[in-house]
């Protein structure tokens, strides 16, 4: 395939079941299209501040724990990608998840964002709108939203 339809994919992950299923679908697409895949985790700074407010740990300790969790989510997807013989690039950012996803997609010239429908943001999601909805609204490319099987 000389010119794949989707040559660069972005897979945001928060470790949720939906984001893992989205990753697997992205790897299937990447295998077929011979595409590059970047897996992204965003340390949500609003969630960080909320967690610090209810924790006995310092902001820096909570931040480091959230980064480590993000690295673990990425490693999990990398293991799945190996089954499809797809190489994964990783990225960890901090900020507002939808903004960081959109910004990275723009910076990398991403052709398709593949993401889960529901994440781990809890009741706050109903108040501010889901990350997926905001990514769809502002993304510079098509967004494939995977709705979980369960």
N, C-alpha and C. Protein backbone atom coordinates (compact mmCIF):
# COMPACT_ATOMS: atom_id res chain seq x y z
N UNK A 1 0.86 -1.17 0.00
CA UNK A 1 0.00 0.00 0.00
C UNK A 1 0.90 1.23 0.00
N UNK A 2 0.89 1.98 -1.08
CA UNK A 2 1.81 3.10 -1.21
C UNK A 2 1.38 4.33 -0.43
N UNK A 3 0.08 4.61 -0.39
CA UNK A 3 -0.40 5.80 0.30
C UNK A 3 -1.61 5.43 1.16
N UNK A 4 -1.36 5.06 2.41
CA UNK A 4 -2.48 4.62 3.25
C UNK A 4 -3.45 5.76 3.55
N UNK A 5 -4.71 5.39 3.66
CA UNK A 5 -5.75 6.35 4.00
C UNK A 5 -5.48 6.96 5.37
N UNK A 6 -5.09 6.11 6.31
CA UNK A 6 -4.76 6.56 7.66
C UNK A 6 -3.32 6.17 7.97
N UNK A 7 -2.41 7.09 7.74
CA UNK A 7 -0.98 6.81 7.94
C UNK A 7 -0.49 7.08 9.34
N UNK A 8 -1.22 7.94 10.07
CA UNK A 8 -0.84 8.29 11.45
C UNK A 8 -2.08 8.23 12.33
N UNK A 9 -2.03 7.36 13.33
CA UNK A 9 -3.14 7.19 14.26
C UNK A 9 -2.73 7.68 15.64
N UNK A 10 -3.71 8.21 16.36
CA UNK A 10 -3.50 8.62 17.75
C UNK A 10 -4.53 7.89 18.60
N UNK A 11 -4.03 7.24 19.66
CA UNK A 11 -4.88 6.50 20.58
C UNK A 11 -4.71 7.07 21.98
N UNK A 12 -5.65 7.89 22.45
CA UNK A 12 -5.59 8.35 23.83
C UNK A 12 -6.05 7.23 24.76
N UNK A 13 -5.40 7.09 25.90
CA UNK A 13 -5.82 6.06 26.85
C UNK A 13 -5.85 6.59 28.27
N UNK A 14 -6.86 6.14 29.00
CA UNK A 14 -6.95 6.44 30.42
C UNK A 14 -7.02 5.14 31.22
N UNK A 15 -6.73 4.03 30.54
CA UNK A 15 -6.74 2.74 31.20
C UNK A 15 -8.11 2.10 31.28
N UNK A 16 -9.16 2.80 30.84
CA UNK A 16 -10.51 2.24 30.90
C UNK A 16 -10.67 1.12 29.87
N UNK A 17 -11.68 0.30 30.09
CA UNK A 17 -11.96 -0.80 29.16
C UNK A 17 -12.21 -0.27 27.75
N UNK A 18 -12.98 0.81 27.65
CA UNK A 18 -13.26 1.39 26.33
C UNK A 18 -11.99 1.85 25.63
N UNK A 19 -11.06 2.44 26.38
CA UNK A 19 -9.84 2.93 25.73
C UNK A 19 -8.94 1.76 25.30
N UNK A 20 -8.97 0.66 26.03
CA UNK A 20 -8.20 -0.52 25.63
C UNK A 20 -8.80 -1.13 24.37
N UNK A 21 -10.13 -1.21 24.32
CA UNK A 21 -10.78 -1.73 23.11
C UNK A 21 -10.52 -0.82 21.91
N UNK A 22 -10.49 0.48 22.13
CA UNK A 22 -10.17 1.43 21.05
C UNK A 22 -8.74 1.20 20.57
N UNK A 23 -7.83 0.96 21.51
CA UNK A 23 -6.45 0.69 21.14
C UNK A 23 -6.34 -0.55 20.27
N UNK A 24 -7.04 -1.59 20.65
CA UNK A 24 -6.98 -2.82 19.86
C UNK A 24 -7.51 -2.59 18.45
N UNK A 25 -8.61 -1.85 18.33
CA UNK A 25 -9.14 -1.53 17.00
C UNK A 25 -8.13 -0.70 16.20
N UNK A 26 -7.50 0.26 16.85
CA UNK A 26 -6.50 1.09 16.17
C UNK A 26 -5.33 0.24 15.67
N UNK A 27 -4.93 -0.75 16.44
CA UNK A 27 -3.82 -1.61 16.02
C UNK A 27 -4.21 -2.47 14.82
N UNK A 28 -5.46 -2.89 14.77
CA UNK A 28 -5.94 -3.63 13.61
C UNK A 28 -5.91 -2.74 12.37
N UNK A 29 -6.36 -1.51 12.53
CA UNK A 29 -6.33 -0.55 11.42
C UNK A 29 -4.88 -0.29 11.00
N UNK A 30 -4.02 -0.07 11.98
CA UNK A 30 -2.60 0.22 11.70
C UNK A 30 -1.94 -0.94 10.97
N UNK A 31 -2.26 -2.15 11.37
CA UNK A 31 -1.69 -3.32 10.70
C UNK A 31 -2.10 -3.35 9.23
N UNK A 32 -3.36 -3.10 8.98
CA UNK A 32 -3.89 -3.11 7.61
C UNK A 32 -3.33 -1.95 6.78
N UNK A 33 -3.23 -0.78 7.39
CA UNK A 33 -2.81 0.43 6.68
C UNK A 33 -1.31 0.68 6.74
N UNK A 34 -0.60 -0.14 7.52
CA UNK A 34 0.84 0.07 7.77
C UNK A 34 1.06 1.49 8.33
N UNK A 35 0.27 1.80 9.33
CA UNK A 35 0.26 3.14 9.90
C UNK A 35 1.13 3.25 11.14
N UNK A 36 1.53 4.48 11.44
CA UNK A 36 2.23 4.79 12.68
C UNK A 36 1.17 5.03 13.75
N UNK A 37 1.45 4.56 14.97
CA UNK A 37 0.50 4.75 16.07
C UNK A 37 1.20 5.42 17.24
N UNK A 38 0.58 6.46 17.75
CA UNK A 38 1.02 7.10 18.98
C UNK A 38 -0.05 6.86 20.03
N UNK A 39 0.38 6.33 21.17
CA UNK A 39 -0.53 6.14 22.30
C UNK A 39 -0.24 7.25 23.29
N UNK A 40 -1.30 7.95 23.69
CA UNK A 40 -1.18 9.12 24.55
C UNK A 40 -1.94 8.92 25.85
N UNK A 41 -1.30 9.31 26.93
CA UNK A 41 -2.01 9.44 28.22
C UNK A 41 -1.85 10.88 28.67
N UNK A 42 -2.96 11.45 29.13
CA UNK A 42 -2.93 12.81 29.64
C UNK A 42 -3.19 12.78 31.14
N UNK A 43 -2.26 13.34 31.89
CA UNK A 43 -2.47 13.55 33.31
C UNK A 43 -3.40 14.76 33.42
N UNK A 44 -4.63 14.49 33.84
CA UNK A 44 -5.67 15.52 33.93
C UNK A 44 -5.38 16.40 35.14
N UNK A 45 -5.00 17.65 34.88
CA UNK A 45 -4.61 18.54 35.98
C UNK A 45 -5.79 18.91 36.89
N UNK A 46 -7.01 18.97 36.35
CA UNK A 46 -8.18 19.21 37.21
C UNK A 46 -8.39 18.04 38.17
N UNK A 47 -8.27 16.84 37.64
CA UNK A 47 -8.40 15.65 38.47
C UNK A 47 -7.26 15.58 39.49
N UNK A 48 -6.08 15.99 39.09
CA UNK A 48 -4.94 16.04 40.00
C UNK A 48 -5.25 16.94 41.19
N UNK A 49 -5.76 18.13 40.91
CA UNK A 49 -6.07 19.07 42.00
C UNK A 49 -7.17 18.53 42.91
N UNK A 50 -8.18 17.91 42.33
CA UNK A 50 -9.25 17.32 43.14
C UNK A 50 -8.70 16.21 44.04
N UNK A 51 -7.84 15.38 43.48
CA UNK A 51 -7.26 14.27 44.24
C UNK A 51 -6.40 14.79 45.38
N UNK A 52 -5.60 15.81 45.11
CA UNK A 52 -4.75 16.40 46.15
C UNK A 52 -5.61 16.91 47.30
N UNK A 53 -6.76 17.48 46.98
CA UNK A 53 -7.66 18.01 48.00
C UNK A 53 -8.19 16.94 48.95
N UNK A 54 -8.25 15.70 48.48
CA UNK A 54 -8.77 14.61 49.31
C UNK A 54 -7.69 13.64 49.76
N UNK A 55 -6.45 13.98 49.52
CA UNK A 55 -5.35 13.07 49.82
C UNK A 55 -4.44 13.65 50.88
N UNK A 56 -3.75 12.78 51.55
CA UNK A 56 -2.73 13.22 52.50
C UNK A 56 -1.38 13.38 51.82
N UNK A 57 -1.32 13.04 50.54
CA UNK A 57 -0.07 13.12 49.79
C UNK A 57 0.10 14.52 49.21
N UNK A 58 1.34 14.86 48.90
CA UNK A 58 1.63 16.15 48.29
C UNK A 58 1.20 16.14 46.83
N UNK A 59 1.09 17.33 46.26
CA UNK A 59 0.73 17.46 44.84
C UNK A 59 1.74 16.70 43.98
N UNK A 60 3.00 16.83 44.31
CA UNK A 60 4.04 16.17 43.52
C UNK A 60 3.95 14.64 43.63
N UNK A 61 3.60 14.12 44.79
CA UNK A 61 3.44 12.67 44.94
C UNK A 61 2.24 12.17 44.14
N UNK A 62 1.14 12.90 44.19
CA UNK A 62 -0.06 12.51 43.45
C UNK A 62 0.22 12.59 41.95
N UNK A 63 0.87 13.66 41.52
CA UNK A 63 1.23 13.82 40.10
C UNK A 63 2.09 12.66 39.62
N UNK A 64 3.10 12.31 40.39
CA UNK A 64 4.00 11.21 40.02
C UNK A 64 3.23 9.88 39.93
N UNK A 65 2.33 9.65 40.87
CA UNK A 65 1.52 8.43 40.84
C UNK A 65 0.66 8.39 39.58
N UNK A 66 0.05 9.53 39.23
CA UNK A 66 -0.79 9.60 38.03
C UNK A 66 0.04 9.37 36.77
N UNK A 67 1.25 9.89 36.73
CA UNK A 67 2.14 9.65 35.58
C UNK A 67 2.50 8.17 35.47
N UNK A 68 2.82 7.55 36.60
CA UNK A 68 3.17 6.11 36.59
C UNK A 68 1.98 5.28 36.11
N UNK A 69 0.78 5.63 36.58
CA UNK A 69 -0.41 4.92 36.10
C UNK A 69 -0.56 5.07 34.59
N UNK A 70 -0.34 6.28 34.08
CA UNK A 70 -0.41 6.51 32.64
C UNK A 70 0.62 5.69 31.88
N UNK A 71 1.82 5.60 32.42
CA UNK A 71 2.87 4.77 31.79
C UNK A 71 2.43 3.32 31.76
N UNK A 72 1.80 2.86 32.83
CA UNK A 72 1.31 1.48 32.87
C UNK A 72 0.22 1.25 31.83
N UNK A 73 -0.68 2.20 31.66
CA UNK A 73 -1.73 2.08 30.65
C UNK A 73 -1.11 1.97 29.25
N UNK A 74 -0.09 2.80 29.01
CA UNK A 74 0.58 2.76 27.71
C UNK A 74 1.28 1.42 27.50
N UNK A 75 1.97 0.93 28.51
CA UNK A 75 2.67 -0.37 28.41
C UNK A 75 1.68 -1.49 28.09
N UNK A 76 0.52 -1.44 28.72
CA UNK A 76 -0.51 -2.46 28.46
C UNK A 76 -0.90 -2.44 26.98
N UNK A 77 -1.11 -1.26 26.43
CA UNK A 77 -1.47 -1.17 25.02
C UNK A 77 -0.30 -1.57 24.11
N UNK A 78 0.92 -1.29 24.53
CA UNK A 78 2.07 -1.71 23.73
C UNK A 78 2.13 -3.23 23.61
N UNK A 79 1.78 -3.93 24.68
CA UNK A 79 1.77 -5.40 24.65
C UNK A 79 0.71 -5.90 23.66
N UNK A 80 -0.44 -5.25 23.65
CA UNK A 80 -1.48 -5.62 22.68
C UNK A 80 -1.00 -5.33 21.26
N UNK A 81 -0.35 -4.20 21.06
CA UNK A 81 0.14 -3.81 19.73
C UNK A 81 1.14 -4.84 19.19
N UNK A 82 1.92 -5.43 20.07
CA UNK A 82 2.89 -6.45 19.63
C UNK A 82 2.21 -7.63 18.95
N UNK A 83 1.02 -7.98 19.41
CA UNK A 83 0.28 -9.10 18.79
C UNK A 83 -0.06 -8.78 17.33
N UNK A 84 -0.20 -7.50 17.01
CA UNK A 84 -0.52 -7.07 15.65
C UNK A 84 0.73 -6.64 14.88
N UNK A 85 1.88 -6.80 15.53
CA UNK A 85 3.15 -6.39 14.94
C UNK A 85 3.14 -4.91 14.55
N UNK A 86 2.59 -4.11 15.46
CA UNK A 86 2.51 -2.67 15.27
C UNK A 86 3.41 -2.00 16.29
N UNK A 87 4.26 -1.12 15.80
CA UNK A 87 5.14 -0.36 16.70
C UNK A 87 4.40 0.86 17.22
N UNK A 88 4.56 1.11 18.50
CA UNK A 88 3.84 2.20 19.16
C UNK A 88 4.82 3.26 19.64
N UNK A 89 4.47 4.49 19.38
CA UNK A 89 5.19 5.61 19.99
C UNK A 89 4.36 6.06 21.18
N UNK A 90 5.01 6.51 22.21
CA UNK A 90 4.26 6.90 23.40
C UNK A 90 4.41 8.37 23.69
N UNK A 91 3.38 8.90 24.32
CA UNK A 91 3.40 10.31 24.72
C UNK A 91 2.62 10.44 26.03
N UNK A 92 3.17 11.22 26.94
CA UNK A 92 2.47 11.57 28.17
C UNK A 92 2.49 13.08 28.26
N UNK A 93 1.32 13.63 28.48
CA UNK A 93 1.17 15.07 28.62
C UNK A 93 0.38 15.38 29.86
N UNK A 94 0.40 16.64 30.24
CA UNK A 94 -0.37 17.10 31.39
C UNK A 94 -1.23 18.27 30.95
N UNK A 95 -2.47 18.29 31.45
CA UNK A 95 -3.36 19.39 31.12
C UNK A 95 -4.79 18.92 31.04
N UNK A 96 -5.56 19.61 30.21
CA UNK A 96 -6.95 19.27 29.94
C UNK A 96 -6.94 18.17 28.87
N UNK A 97 -7.47 16.97 29.18
CA UNK A 97 -7.33 15.85 28.23
C UNK A 97 -7.76 16.16 26.80
N UNK A 98 -8.93 16.76 26.60
CA UNK A 98 -9.36 16.96 25.21
C UNK A 98 -8.42 17.93 24.49
N UNK A 99 -7.96 18.94 25.17
CA UNK A 99 -7.06 19.92 24.54
C UNK A 99 -5.73 19.28 24.18
N UNK A 100 -5.19 18.48 25.08
CA UNK A 100 -3.90 17.83 24.82
C UNK A 100 -4.01 16.83 23.67
N UNK A 101 -5.13 16.12 23.59
CA UNK A 101 -5.35 15.16 22.50
C UNK A 101 -5.41 15.90 21.16
N UNK A 102 -6.20 16.95 21.11
CA UNK A 102 -6.36 17.74 19.89
C UNK A 102 -5.02 18.39 19.50
N UNK A 103 -4.31 18.95 20.45
CA UNK A 103 -3.03 19.60 20.16
C UNK A 103 -2.01 18.61 19.61
N UNK A 104 -1.92 17.42 20.22
CA UNK A 104 -0.95 16.43 19.74
C UNK A 104 -1.34 15.94 18.35
N UNK A 105 -2.63 15.74 18.11
CA UNK A 105 -3.09 15.32 16.78
C UNK A 105 -2.68 16.34 15.73
N UNK A 106 -2.83 17.61 16.07
CA UNK A 106 -2.45 18.68 15.16
C UNK A 106 -0.94 18.71 14.94
N UNK A 107 -0.18 18.64 16.02
CA UNK A 107 1.29 18.69 15.93
C UNK A 107 1.86 17.55 15.10
N UNK A 108 1.29 16.35 15.24
CA UNK A 108 1.83 15.17 14.56
C UNK A 108 1.19 14.91 13.20
N UNK A 109 0.24 15.74 12.80
CA UNK A 109 -0.42 15.52 11.51
C UNK A 109 -1.18 14.20 11.49
N UNK A 110 -1.87 13.91 12.57
CA UNK A 110 -2.61 12.65 12.71
C UNK A 110 -3.77 12.61 11.71
N UNK A 111 -3.97 11.42 11.12
CA UNK A 111 -5.05 11.21 10.15
C UNK A 111 -6.33 10.69 10.79
N UNK A 112 -6.19 10.05 11.98
CA UNK A 112 -7.35 9.46 12.64
C UNK A 112 -7.05 9.32 14.13
N UNK A 113 -7.99 9.78 14.96
CA UNK A 113 -7.93 9.55 16.40
C UNK A 113 -8.90 8.42 16.70
N UNK A 114 -8.43 7.41 17.41
CA UNK A 114 -9.27 6.27 17.80
C UNK A 114 -9.32 6.26 19.32
N UNK A 115 -10.53 6.47 19.86
CA UNK A 115 -10.63 6.58 21.31
C UNK A 115 -11.89 5.92 21.85
N UNK A 116 -11.87 5.65 23.13
CA UNK A 116 -13.02 5.05 23.80
C UNK A 116 -14.11 6.08 24.04
N UNK A 117 -15.32 5.58 24.17
CA UNK A 117 -16.49 6.43 24.41
C UNK A 117 -16.55 6.92 25.85
N UNK A 118 -16.36 6.01 26.77
CA UNK A 118 -16.45 6.36 28.19
C UNK A 118 -15.11 6.11 28.86
N UNK A 119 -14.71 7.07 29.66
CA UNK A 119 -13.44 6.94 30.35
C UNK A 119 -13.62 6.85 31.85
N UNK A 120 -12.58 7.20 32.58
CA UNK A 120 -12.57 7.08 34.03
C UNK A 120 -12.77 8.40 34.73
N UNK A 121 -13.52 9.29 34.17
CA UNK A 121 -13.64 10.62 34.77
C UNK A 121 -14.78 10.74 35.78
N UNK A 122 -15.65 9.76 35.86
CA UNK A 122 -16.66 9.76 36.91
C UNK A 122 -17.79 10.75 36.69
N UNK A 123 -18.46 11.13 37.80
CA UNK A 123 -19.66 11.97 37.70
C UNK A 123 -19.40 13.34 37.09
N UNK A 124 -18.19 13.82 37.19
CA UNK A 124 -17.84 15.13 36.64
C UNK A 124 -18.09 15.17 35.14
N UNK A 125 -17.99 14.02 34.49
CA UNK A 125 -18.18 13.93 33.05
C UNK A 125 -19.54 14.47 32.63
N UNK A 126 -20.56 14.21 33.42
CA UNK A 126 -21.91 14.67 33.08
C UNK A 126 -22.03 16.18 33.16
N UNK A 127 -21.22 16.81 33.98
CA UNK A 127 -21.29 18.25 34.16
C UNK A 127 -20.56 18.97 33.02
N UNK A 128 -19.37 18.56 32.70
CA UNK A 128 -18.55 19.31 31.75
C UNK A 128 -18.57 18.72 30.34
N UNK A 129 -19.22 17.59 30.13
CA UNK A 129 -19.21 16.97 28.82
C UNK A 129 -18.04 16.01 28.70
N UNK A 130 -18.21 14.99 27.92
CA UNK A 130 -17.17 13.97 27.84
C UNK A 130 -15.97 14.43 27.02
N UNK A 131 -14.85 13.83 27.32
CA UNK A 131 -13.63 14.11 26.56
C UNK A 131 -13.85 13.77 25.09
N UNK A 132 -14.48 12.64 24.83
CA UNK A 132 -14.71 12.23 23.43
C UNK A 132 -15.52 13.28 22.67
N UNK A 133 -16.56 13.80 23.30
CA UNK A 133 -17.38 14.81 22.63
C UNK A 133 -16.57 16.05 22.29
N UNK A 134 -15.71 16.46 23.19
CA UNK A 134 -14.90 17.65 22.94
C UNK A 134 -13.82 17.39 21.89
N UNK A 135 -13.26 16.19 21.90
CA UNK A 135 -12.28 15.86 20.87
C UNK A 135 -12.95 15.88 19.50
N UNK A 136 -14.13 15.28 19.40
CA UNK A 136 -14.86 15.30 18.12
C UNK A 136 -15.07 16.73 17.65
N UNK A 137 -15.44 17.60 18.55
CA UNK A 137 -15.74 18.99 18.19
C UNK A 137 -14.51 19.73 17.68
N UNK A 138 -13.33 19.50 18.29
CA UNK A 138 -12.17 20.34 18.00
C UNK A 138 -11.05 19.65 17.22
N UNK A 139 -11.14 18.36 16.98
CA UNK A 139 -10.06 17.62 16.32
C UNK A 139 -9.82 18.10 14.89
N UNK A 140 -8.54 18.07 14.47
CA UNK A 140 -8.20 18.46 13.11
C UNK A 140 -8.36 17.32 12.10
N UNK A 141 -8.89 16.19 12.55
CA UNK A 141 -9.00 15.01 11.71
C UNK A 141 -10.22 14.19 12.14
N UNK A 142 -10.56 13.14 11.41
CA UNK A 142 -11.66 12.28 11.84
C UNK A 142 -11.37 11.62 13.19
N UNK A 143 -12.44 11.36 13.93
CA UNK A 143 -12.34 10.69 15.23
C UNK A 143 -13.24 9.47 15.19
N UNK A 144 -12.67 8.32 15.49
CA UNK A 144 -13.43 7.08 15.58
C UNK A 144 -13.61 6.79 17.06
N UNK A 145 -14.85 6.83 17.51
CA UNK A 145 -15.15 6.61 18.92
C UNK A 145 -15.69 5.19 19.08
N UNK A 146 -15.01 4.42 19.91
CA UNK A 146 -15.37 3.02 20.14
C UNK A 146 -16.23 2.91 21.37
N UNK A 147 -17.42 2.44 21.17
CA UNK A 147 -18.33 2.22 22.29
C UNK A 147 -18.08 0.81 22.81
N UNK A 148 -17.89 0.69 24.09
CA UNK A 148 -17.54 -0.60 24.70
C UNK A 148 -18.58 -1.68 24.47
N UNK A 149 -18.13 -2.91 24.60
CA UNK A 149 -19.00 -4.07 24.39
C UNK A 149 -19.94 -4.30 25.57
N UNK A 150 -19.57 -3.76 26.77
CA UNK A 150 -20.35 -4.06 27.95
C UNK A 150 -21.24 -3.01 28.32
